[in-house]
Amino acid sequence: MKENNDVVIYVDDSPSAREVVKEGFEGSGYLLRTATGVLDLENRLLSDPDTVKKVRLFIFDFEMPYLTGTQIASAMDKVYKELQDVPFVIFSGRPKDDVHKAIEDAKKRSESFARNYRGFIEKKKDSVAELVARTGEILNESSR
């Protein structure tokens, strides 16, 4: 696949999960950036304003220190107006029922969450391939 300028940011506190996803995105043509949590994400966005302009998709783990992925996604547009329309997915190994409940709660509380949410992908065997495929679908939809 040809290289492009579509930046995808994956936020997960697990070093092994970040490494597996990074390997899965190799050769995909997307520029994958990672962050260890909300504080690292904020530092990366503040230190590189160009990334804020190029980010096309966020992938959030659900359970992380300080804020969950649904909490980060719910607040993103309040912190960065430039990111108010950037879609995201939740990628987590937590029990599906827990994640779905948090997603439904976030949709009720945050208009931007409801607007930008593009799905939940459960972490399991071969789920990184599903994540990469879904990334392509989302980015193709948003470029229309």
N, C-alpha and C. Protein backbone atom coordinates (compact mmCIF):
# COMPACT_ATOMS: atom_id res chain seq x y z
N MET A 1 0.85 -1.18 0.00
CA MET A 1 0.00 0.00 0.00
C MET A 1 0.89 1.24 0.00
N LYS A 2 0.47 2.26 -0.70
CA LYS A 2 1.28 3.47 -0.75
C LYS A 2 1.18 4.26 0.54
N GLU A 3 2.24 4.98 0.86
CA GLU A 3 2.26 5.82 2.06
C GLU A 3 1.37 7.04 1.84
N ASN A 4 0.75 7.50 2.91
CA ASN A 4 -0.02 8.73 2.85
C ASN A 4 0.22 9.50 4.13
N ASN A 5 -0.49 10.59 4.29
CA ASN A 5 -0.30 11.43 5.47
C ASN A 5 -1.38 11.22 6.52
N ASP A 6 -2.16 10.15 6.41
CA ASP A 6 -3.20 9.88 7.39
C ASP A 6 -2.57 9.36 8.68
N VAL A 7 -2.65 10.17 9.73
CA VAL A 7 -2.10 9.78 11.03
C VAL A 7 -3.20 9.10 11.84
N VAL A 8 -2.88 7.94 12.37
CA VAL A 8 -3.75 7.19 13.26
C VAL A 8 -3.05 7.16 14.61
N ILE A 9 -3.75 7.54 15.66
CA ILE A 9 -3.15 7.53 17.00
C ILE A 9 -3.82 6.46 17.84
N TYR A 10 -2.98 5.55 18.35
CA TYR A 10 -3.44 4.45 19.20
C TYR A 10 -3.01 4.74 20.63
N VAL A 11 -3.98 4.81 21.54
CA VAL A 11 -3.70 5.12 22.94
C VAL A 11 -3.98 3.88 23.79
N ASP A 12 -2.93 3.35 24.41
CA ASP A 12 -3.06 2.14 25.24
C ASP A 12 -1.91 2.13 26.23
N ASP A 13 -2.20 1.83 27.48
CA ASP A 13 -1.16 1.81 28.50
C ASP A 13 -0.31 0.54 28.47
N SER A 14 -0.70 -0.45 27.70
CA SER A 14 0.04 -1.72 27.63
C SER A 14 1.12 -1.65 26.55
N PRO A 15 2.40 -1.76 26.96
CA PRO A 15 3.48 -1.75 25.96
C PRO A 15 3.35 -2.89 24.95
N SER A 16 2.95 -4.07 25.40
CA SER A 16 2.84 -5.20 24.47
C SER A 16 1.70 -4.99 23.48
N ALA A 17 0.59 -4.42 23.93
CA ALA A 17 -0.52 -4.14 23.02
C ALA A 17 -0.11 -3.10 21.98
N ARG A 18 0.60 -2.07 22.41
CA ARG A 18 1.06 -1.05 21.46
C ARG A 18 1.99 -1.67 20.42
N GLU A 19 2.89 -2.57 20.86
CA GLU A 19 3.83 -3.21 19.94
C GLU A 19 3.11 -4.10 18.93
N VAL A 20 2.13 -4.87 19.40
CA VAL A 20 1.38 -5.76 18.50
C VAL A 20 0.61 -4.94 17.46
N VAL A 21 -0.02 -3.86 17.90
CA VAL A 21 -0.76 -3.02 16.96
C VAL A 21 0.20 -2.34 15.99
N LYS A 22 1.31 -1.86 16.49
CA LYS A 22 2.31 -1.21 15.63
C LYS A 22 2.77 -2.17 14.54
N GLU A 23 3.05 -3.42 14.91
CA GLU A 23 3.45 -4.43 13.93
C GLU A 23 2.33 -4.70 12.93
N GLY A 24 1.10 -4.73 13.41
CA GLY A 24 -0.05 -4.97 12.54
C GLY A 24 -0.27 -3.87 11.51
N PHE A 25 0.11 -2.64 11.87
CA PHE A 25 -0.07 -1.52 10.95
C PHE A 25 1.10 -1.35 9.98
N GLU A 26 2.22 -2.07 10.21
CA GLU A 26 3.36 -1.96 9.29
C GLU A 26 2.91 -2.38 7.90
N GLY A 27 3.24 -1.57 6.93
CA GLY A 27 2.88 -1.86 5.55
C GLY A 27 1.46 -1.47 5.18
N SER A 28 0.71 -0.92 6.14
CA SER A 28 -0.69 -0.54 5.87
C SER A 28 -0.80 0.78 5.12
N GLY A 29 0.26 1.59 5.18
CA GLY A 29 0.22 2.90 4.54
C GLY A 29 -0.20 4.01 5.48
N TYR A 30 -0.62 3.67 6.69
CA TYR A 30 -1.02 4.68 7.66
C TYR A 30 0.14 4.99 8.59
N LEU A 31 0.24 6.24 9.01
CA LEU A 31 1.27 6.65 9.95
C LEU A 31 0.71 6.44 11.35
N LEU A 32 1.10 5.35 12.00
CA LEU A 32 0.60 5.04 13.33
C LEU A 32 1.49 5.70 14.37
N ARG A 33 0.85 6.46 15.25
CA ARG A 33 1.52 7.05 16.40
C ARG A 33 0.88 6.41 17.63
N THR A 34 1.65 6.26 18.68
CA THR A 34 1.11 5.67 19.89
C THR A 34 1.27 6.62 21.07
N ALA A 35 0.43 6.40 22.07
CA ALA A 35 0.52 7.13 23.33
C ALA A 35 0.16 6.16 24.45
N THR A 36 0.74 6.37 25.63
CA THR A 36 0.55 5.45 26.75
C THR A 36 -0.68 5.76 27.58
N GLY A 37 -1.32 6.87 27.33
CA GLY A 37 -2.50 7.29 28.09
C GLY A 37 -2.81 8.73 27.79
N VAL A 38 -3.73 9.30 28.55
CA VAL A 38 -4.19 10.65 28.27
C VAL A 38 -3.08 11.69 28.43
N LEU A 39 -2.23 11.54 29.45
CA LEU A 39 -1.16 12.52 29.65
C LEU A 39 -0.13 12.48 28.53
N ASP A 40 0.24 11.29 28.11
CA ASP A 40 1.18 11.13 27.00
C ASP A 40 0.56 11.65 25.70
N LEU A 41 -0.71 11.36 25.49
CA LEU A 41 -1.40 11.86 24.29
C LEU A 41 -1.38 13.38 24.26
N GLU A 42 -1.71 13.99 25.38
CA GLU A 42 -1.72 15.45 25.44
C GLU A 42 -0.33 16.02 25.18
N ASN A 43 0.69 15.43 25.78
CA ASN A 43 2.06 15.89 25.54
C ASN A 43 2.45 15.78 24.07
N ARG A 44 2.07 14.69 23.44
CA ARG A 44 2.41 14.49 22.03
C ARG A 44 1.68 15.50 21.14
N LEU A 45 0.42 15.75 21.43
CA LEU A 45 -0.34 16.71 20.63
C LEU A 45 0.17 18.13 20.83
N LEU A 46 0.53 18.48 22.05
CA LEU A 46 1.06 19.82 22.33
C LEU A 46 2.44 20.03 21.72
N SER A 47 3.24 18.96 21.69
CA SER A 47 4.61 19.10 21.18
C SER A 47 4.69 19.06 19.66
N ASP A 48 3.64 18.62 19.00
CA ASP A 48 3.65 18.52 17.54
C ASP A 48 2.31 18.97 16.96
N PRO A 49 2.12 20.29 16.82
CA PRO A 49 0.86 20.80 16.30
C PRO A 49 0.52 20.28 14.90
N ASP A 50 1.54 19.86 14.15
CA ASP A 50 1.29 19.32 12.82
C ASP A 50 0.50 18.02 12.90
N THR A 51 0.75 17.23 13.94
CA THR A 51 -0.01 15.99 14.13
C THR A 51 -1.49 16.29 14.33
N VAL A 52 -1.81 17.32 15.09
CA VAL A 52 -3.21 17.69 15.32
C VAL A 52 -3.91 17.93 13.98
N LYS A 53 -3.21 18.51 13.03
CA LYS A 53 -3.80 18.79 11.72
C LYS A 53 -3.95 17.53 10.87
N LYS A 54 -3.11 16.52 11.11
CA LYS A 54 -3.09 15.34 10.24
C LYS A 54 -3.81 14.13 10.82
N VAL A 55 -4.16 14.15 12.11
CA VAL A 55 -4.77 12.96 12.70
C VAL A 55 -6.15 12.72 12.07
N ARG A 56 -6.36 11.48 11.63
CA ARG A 56 -7.60 11.12 10.93
C ARG A 56 -8.42 10.11 11.71
N LEU A 57 -7.79 9.46 12.71
CA LEU A 57 -8.49 8.45 13.49
C LEU A 57 -7.77 8.23 14.81
N PHE A 58 -8.56 8.06 15.87
CA PHE A 58 -8.04 7.64 17.16
C PHE A 58 -8.49 6.22 17.43
N ILE A 59 -7.63 5.46 18.05
CA ILE A 59 -7.97 4.13 18.55
C ILE A 59 -7.68 4.18 20.05
N PHE A 60 -8.71 3.99 20.86
CA PHE A 60 -8.55 4.07 22.30
C PHE A 60 -8.76 2.72 22.96
N ASP A 61 -7.83 2.34 23.82
CA ASP A 61 -8.07 1.22 24.73
C ASP A 61 -9.15 1.71 25.70
N PHE A 62 -9.87 0.79 26.30
CA PHE A 62 -10.92 1.22 27.22
C PHE A 62 -10.35 1.55 28.60
N GLU A 63 -9.66 0.60 29.20
CA GLU A 63 -9.22 0.78 30.58
C GLU A 63 -7.77 1.21 30.64
N MET A 64 -7.58 2.45 31.12
CA MET A 64 -6.24 3.01 31.27
C MET A 64 -6.21 3.85 32.55
N PRO A 65 -5.01 4.16 33.05
CA PRO A 65 -4.93 5.04 34.22
C PRO A 65 -5.49 6.44 33.91
N TYR A 66 -6.02 7.07 34.91
CA TYR A 66 -6.55 8.44 34.88
C TYR A 66 -7.90 8.54 34.18
N LEU A 67 -7.94 8.23 32.88
CA LEU A 67 -9.20 8.31 32.13
C LEU A 67 -9.35 7.07 31.25
N THR A 68 -10.58 6.60 31.10
CA THR A 68 -10.83 5.50 30.16
C THR A 68 -10.85 6.05 28.74
N GLY A 69 -10.81 5.15 27.79
CA GLY A 69 -10.89 5.56 26.39
C GLY A 69 -12.17 6.31 26.09
N THR A 70 -13.28 5.89 26.69
CA THR A 70 -14.54 6.60 26.44
C THR A 70 -14.52 8.00 27.05
N GLN A 71 -13.86 8.16 28.18
CA GLN A 71 -13.75 9.49 28.78
C GLN A 71 -12.86 10.41 27.94
N ILE A 72 -11.77 9.89 27.43
CA ILE A 72 -10.89 10.69 26.57
C ILE A 72 -11.66 11.14 25.33
N ALA A 73 -12.34 10.20 24.69
CA ALA A 73 -13.09 10.51 23.47
C ALA A 73 -14.19 11.53 23.74
N SER A 74 -14.82 11.45 24.91
CA SER A 74 -15.89 12.38 25.25
C SER A 74 -15.39 13.81 25.44
N ALA A 75 -14.15 13.95 25.86
CA ALA A 75 -13.61 15.28 26.15
C ALA A 75 -12.73 15.87 25.05
N MET A 76 -12.41 15.08 24.04
CA MET A 76 -11.45 15.51 23.02
C MET A 76 -11.81 16.85 22.39
N ASP A 77 -13.07 17.04 22.02
CA ASP A 77 -13.45 18.29 21.34
C ASP A 77 -13.44 19.49 22.27
N LYS A 78 -13.50 19.27 23.56
CA LYS A 78 -13.46 20.39 24.51
C LYS A 78 -12.03 20.90 24.69
N VAL A 79 -11.07 20.01 24.47
CA VAL A 79 -9.66 20.36 24.63
C VAL A 79 -9.05 20.82 23.31
N TYR A 80 -9.43 20.15 22.23
CA TYR A 80 -8.89 20.45 20.90
C TYR A 80 -10.03 20.62 19.92
N LYS A 81 -10.42 21.85 19.66
CA LYS A 81 -11.51 22.11 18.71
C LYS A 81 -11.18 21.54 17.33
N GLU A 82 -9.88 21.51 16.97
CA GLU A 82 -9.47 21.01 15.66
C GLU A 82 -9.77 19.52 15.51
N LEU A 83 -9.99 18.83 16.62
CA LEU A 83 -10.22 17.39 16.59
C LEU A 83 -11.68 17.02 16.82
N GLN A 84 -12.56 18.01 16.76
CA GLN A 84 -13.96 17.76 17.10
C GLN A 84 -14.68 16.79 16.15
N ASP A 85 -14.15 16.57 14.98
CA ASP A 85 -14.80 15.67 14.03
C ASP A 85 -13.96 14.44 13.68
N VAL A 86 -12.92 14.19 14.46
CA VAL A 86 -12.06 13.03 14.18
C VAL A 86 -12.72 11.77 14.75
N PRO A 87 -12.95 10.77 13.91
CA PRO A 87 -13.58 9.54 14.38
C PRO A 87 -12.64 8.72 15.26
N PHE A 88 -13.24 7.79 15.99
CA PHE A 88 -12.45 6.91 16.85
C PHE A 88 -13.15 5.57 17.00
N VAL A 89 -12.35 4.58 17.38
CA VAL A 89 -12.86 3.26 17.76
C VAL A 89 -12.32 2.92 19.14
N ILE A 90 -13.03 2.05 19.83
CA ILE A 90 -12.58 1.52 21.10
C ILE A 90 -12.07 0.11 20.82
N PHE A 91 -10.85 -0.18 21.27
CA PHE A 91 -10.19 -1.47 21.04
C PHE A 91 -9.79 -2.00 22.40
N SER A 92 -10.50 -3.00 22.91
CA SER A 92 -10.28 -3.40 24.29
C SER A 92 -10.52 -4.88 24.51
N GLY A 93 -9.83 -5.40 25.50
CA GLY A 93 -10.02 -6.77 25.92
C GLY A 93 -10.93 -6.89 27.15
N ARG A 94 -11.44 -5.79 27.63
CA ARG A 94 -12.36 -5.80 28.77
C ARG A 94 -13.64 -6.53 28.37
N PRO A 95 -14.40 -7.03 29.36
CA PRO A 95 -15.66 -7.70 29.03
C PRO A 95 -16.58 -6.80 28.19
N LYS A 96 -17.11 -7.39 27.14
CA LYS A 96 -17.93 -6.62 26.18
C LYS A 96 -19.06 -5.85 26.86
N ASP A 97 -19.72 -6.47 27.81
CA ASP A 97 -20.85 -5.80 28.47
C ASP A 97 -20.40 -4.52 29.18
N ASP A 98 -19.24 -4.55 29.84
CA ASP A 98 -18.72 -3.36 30.53
C ASP A 98 -18.42 -2.25 29.53
N VAL A 99 -17.80 -2.62 28.43
CA VAL A 99 -17.43 -1.63 27.41
C VAL A 99 -18.68 -1.05 26.76
N HIS A 100 -19.61 -1.90 26.40
CA HIS A 100 -20.84 -1.41 25.76
C HIS A 100 -21.64 -0.49 26.68
N LYS A 101 -21.68 -0.78 27.97
CA LYS A 101 -22.38 0.08 28.92
C LYS A 101 -21.72 1.46 28.96
N ALA A 102 -20.39 1.48 29.04
CA ALA A 102 -19.66 2.75 29.07
C ALA A 102 -19.86 3.53 27.77
N ILE A 103 -19.91 2.83 26.66
CA ILE A 103 -20.14 3.49 25.36
C ILE A 103 -21.52 4.12 25.33
N GLU A 104 -22.53 3.39 25.75
CA GLU A 104 -23.90 3.93 25.76
C GLU A 104 -24.01 5.13 26.69
N ASP A 105 -23.37 5.06 27.85
CA ASP A 105 -23.37 6.20 28.77
C ASP A 105 -22.69 7.41 28.14
N ALA A 106 -21.57 7.19 27.49
CA ALA A 106 -20.83 8.30 26.86
C ALA A 106 -21.64 8.92 25.72
N LYS A 107 -22.35 8.11 24.96
CA LYS A 107 -23.19 8.65 23.87
C LYS A 107 -24.25 9.59 24.41
N LYS A 108 -24.79 9.27 25.58
CA LYS A 108 -25.83 10.11 26.19
C LYS A 108 -25.26 11.42 26.73
N ARG A 109 -24.02 11.40 27.18
CA ARG A 109 -23.40 12.58 27.80
C ARG A 109 -22.67 13.49 26.82
N SER A 110 -22.22 12.94 25.70
CA SER A 110 -21.36 13.72 24.81
C SER A 110 -21.82 13.61 23.36
N GLU A 111 -22.22 14.75 22.82
CA GLU A 111 -22.64 14.80 21.42
C GLU A 111 -21.50 14.43 20.48
N SER A 112 -20.29 14.89 20.79
CA SER A 112 -19.15 14.58 19.91
C SER A 112 -18.80 13.10 19.98
N PHE A 113 -18.95 12.48 21.16
CA PHE A 113 -18.72 11.04 21.26
C PHE A 113 -19.68 10.31 20.34
N ALA A 114 -20.96 10.63 20.46
CA ALA A 114 -21.98 9.95 19.64
C ALA A 114 -21.72 10.16 18.15
N ARG A 115 -21.28 11.35 17.78
CA ARG A 115 -21.04 11.68 16.37
C ARG A 115 -19.81 10.97 15.81
N ASN A 116 -18.76 10.84 16.61
CA ASN A 116 -17.48 10.34 16.11
C ASN A 116 -17.21 8.87 16.39
N TYR A 117 -18.02 8.24 17.20
CA TYR A 117 -17.83 6.83 17.55
C TYR A 117 -18.07 5.96 16.32
N ARG A 118 -17.09 5.08 16.03
CA ARG A 118 -17.18 4.21 14.85
C ARG A 118 -17.11 2.73 15.18
N GLY A 119 -17.22 2.39 16.46
CA GLY A 119 -17.31 0.99 16.79
C GLY A 119 -16.36 0.52 17.87
N PHE A 120 -16.66 -0.70 18.32
CA PHE A 120 -15.87 -1.38 19.33
C PHE A 120 -15.31 -2.65 18.71
N ILE A 121 -14.01 -2.85 18.87
CA ILE A 121 -13.37 -4.07 18.41
C ILE A 121 -12.75 -4.74 19.63
N GLU A 122 -13.12 -5.97 19.84
CA GLU A 122 -12.63 -6.71 20.99
C GLU A 122 -11.22 -7.23 20.70
N LYS A 123 -10.31 -7.03 21.67
CA LYS A 123 -8.96 -7.56 21.54
C LYS A 123 -9.02 -9.07 21.72
N LYS A 124 -8.61 -9.75 20.69
CA LYS A 124 -8.54 -11.21 20.72
C LYS A 124 -7.62 -11.64 19.58
N LYS A 125 -7.46 -12.92 19.40
CA LYS A 125 -6.59 -13.42 18.33
C LYS A 125 -7.06 -12.87 16.98
N ASP A 126 -6.16 -12.38 16.20
CA ASP A 126 -6.42 -11.83 14.86
C ASP A 126 -7.23 -10.54 14.87
N SER A 127 -7.43 -9.91 16.02
CA SER A 127 -8.22 -8.69 16.03
C SER A 127 -7.46 -7.48 15.48
N VAL A 128 -6.13 -7.54 15.44
CA VAL A 128 -5.37 -6.42 14.88
C VAL A 128 -5.64 -6.31 13.38
N ALA A 129 -5.74 -7.44 12.70
CA ALA A 129 -6.09 -7.41 11.27
C ALA A 129 -7.47 -6.78 11.08
N GLU A 130 -8.40 -7.11 11.95
CA GLU A 130 -9.73 -6.49 11.91
C GLU A 130 -9.64 -4.99 12.16
N LEU A 131 -8.78 -4.59 13.09
CA LEU A 131 -8.58 -3.18 13.41
C LEU A 131 -8.02 -2.42 12.21
N VAL A 132 -7.04 -2.99 11.54
CA VAL A 132 -6.44 -2.35 10.36
C VAL A 132 -7.49 -2.23 9.24
N ALA A 133 -8.26 -3.29 9.03
CA ALA A 133 -9.31 -3.25 7.99
C ALA A 133 -10.35 -2.20 8.32
N ARG A 134 -10.76 -2.13 9.58
CA ARG A 134 -11.77 -1.14 9.98
C ARG A 134 -11.22 0.27 9.83
N THR A 135 -9.95 0.45 10.12
CA THR A 135 -9.30 1.75 9.92
C THR A 135 -9.45 2.19 8.47
N GLY A 136 -9.16 1.28 7.53
CA GLY A 136 -9.30 1.60 6.11
C GLY A 136 -10.73 1.98 5.75
N GLU A 137 -11.69 1.24 6.28
CA GLU A 137 -13.10 1.55 6.02
C GLU A 137 -13.47 2.94 6.52
N ILE A 138 -13.08 3.23 7.74
CA ILE A 138 -13.41 4.54 8.35
C ILE A 138 -12.77 5.67 7.55
N LEU A 139 -11.49 5.53 7.22
CA LEU A 139 -10.81 6.60 6.51
C LEU A 139 -11.35 6.76 5.08
N ASN A 140 -11.75 5.67 4.46
CA ASN A 140 -12.36 5.78 3.13
C ASN A 140 -13.71 6.47 3.21
N GLU A 141 -14.50 6.18 4.26
CA GLU A 141 -15.80 6.83 4.44
C GLU A 141 -15.63 8.32 4.68
N SER A 142 -14.65 8.69 5.51
CA SER A 142 -14.50 10.10 5.86
C SER A 142 -13.87 10.93 4.75
N SER A 143 -13.27 10.29 3.76
CA SER A 143 -12.65 11.05 2.65
C SER A 143 -13.64 11.34 1.54
N ARG A 144 -14.84 10.82 1.67
CA ARG A 144 -15.86 11.04 0.62
C ARG A 144 -16.51 12.38 0.75
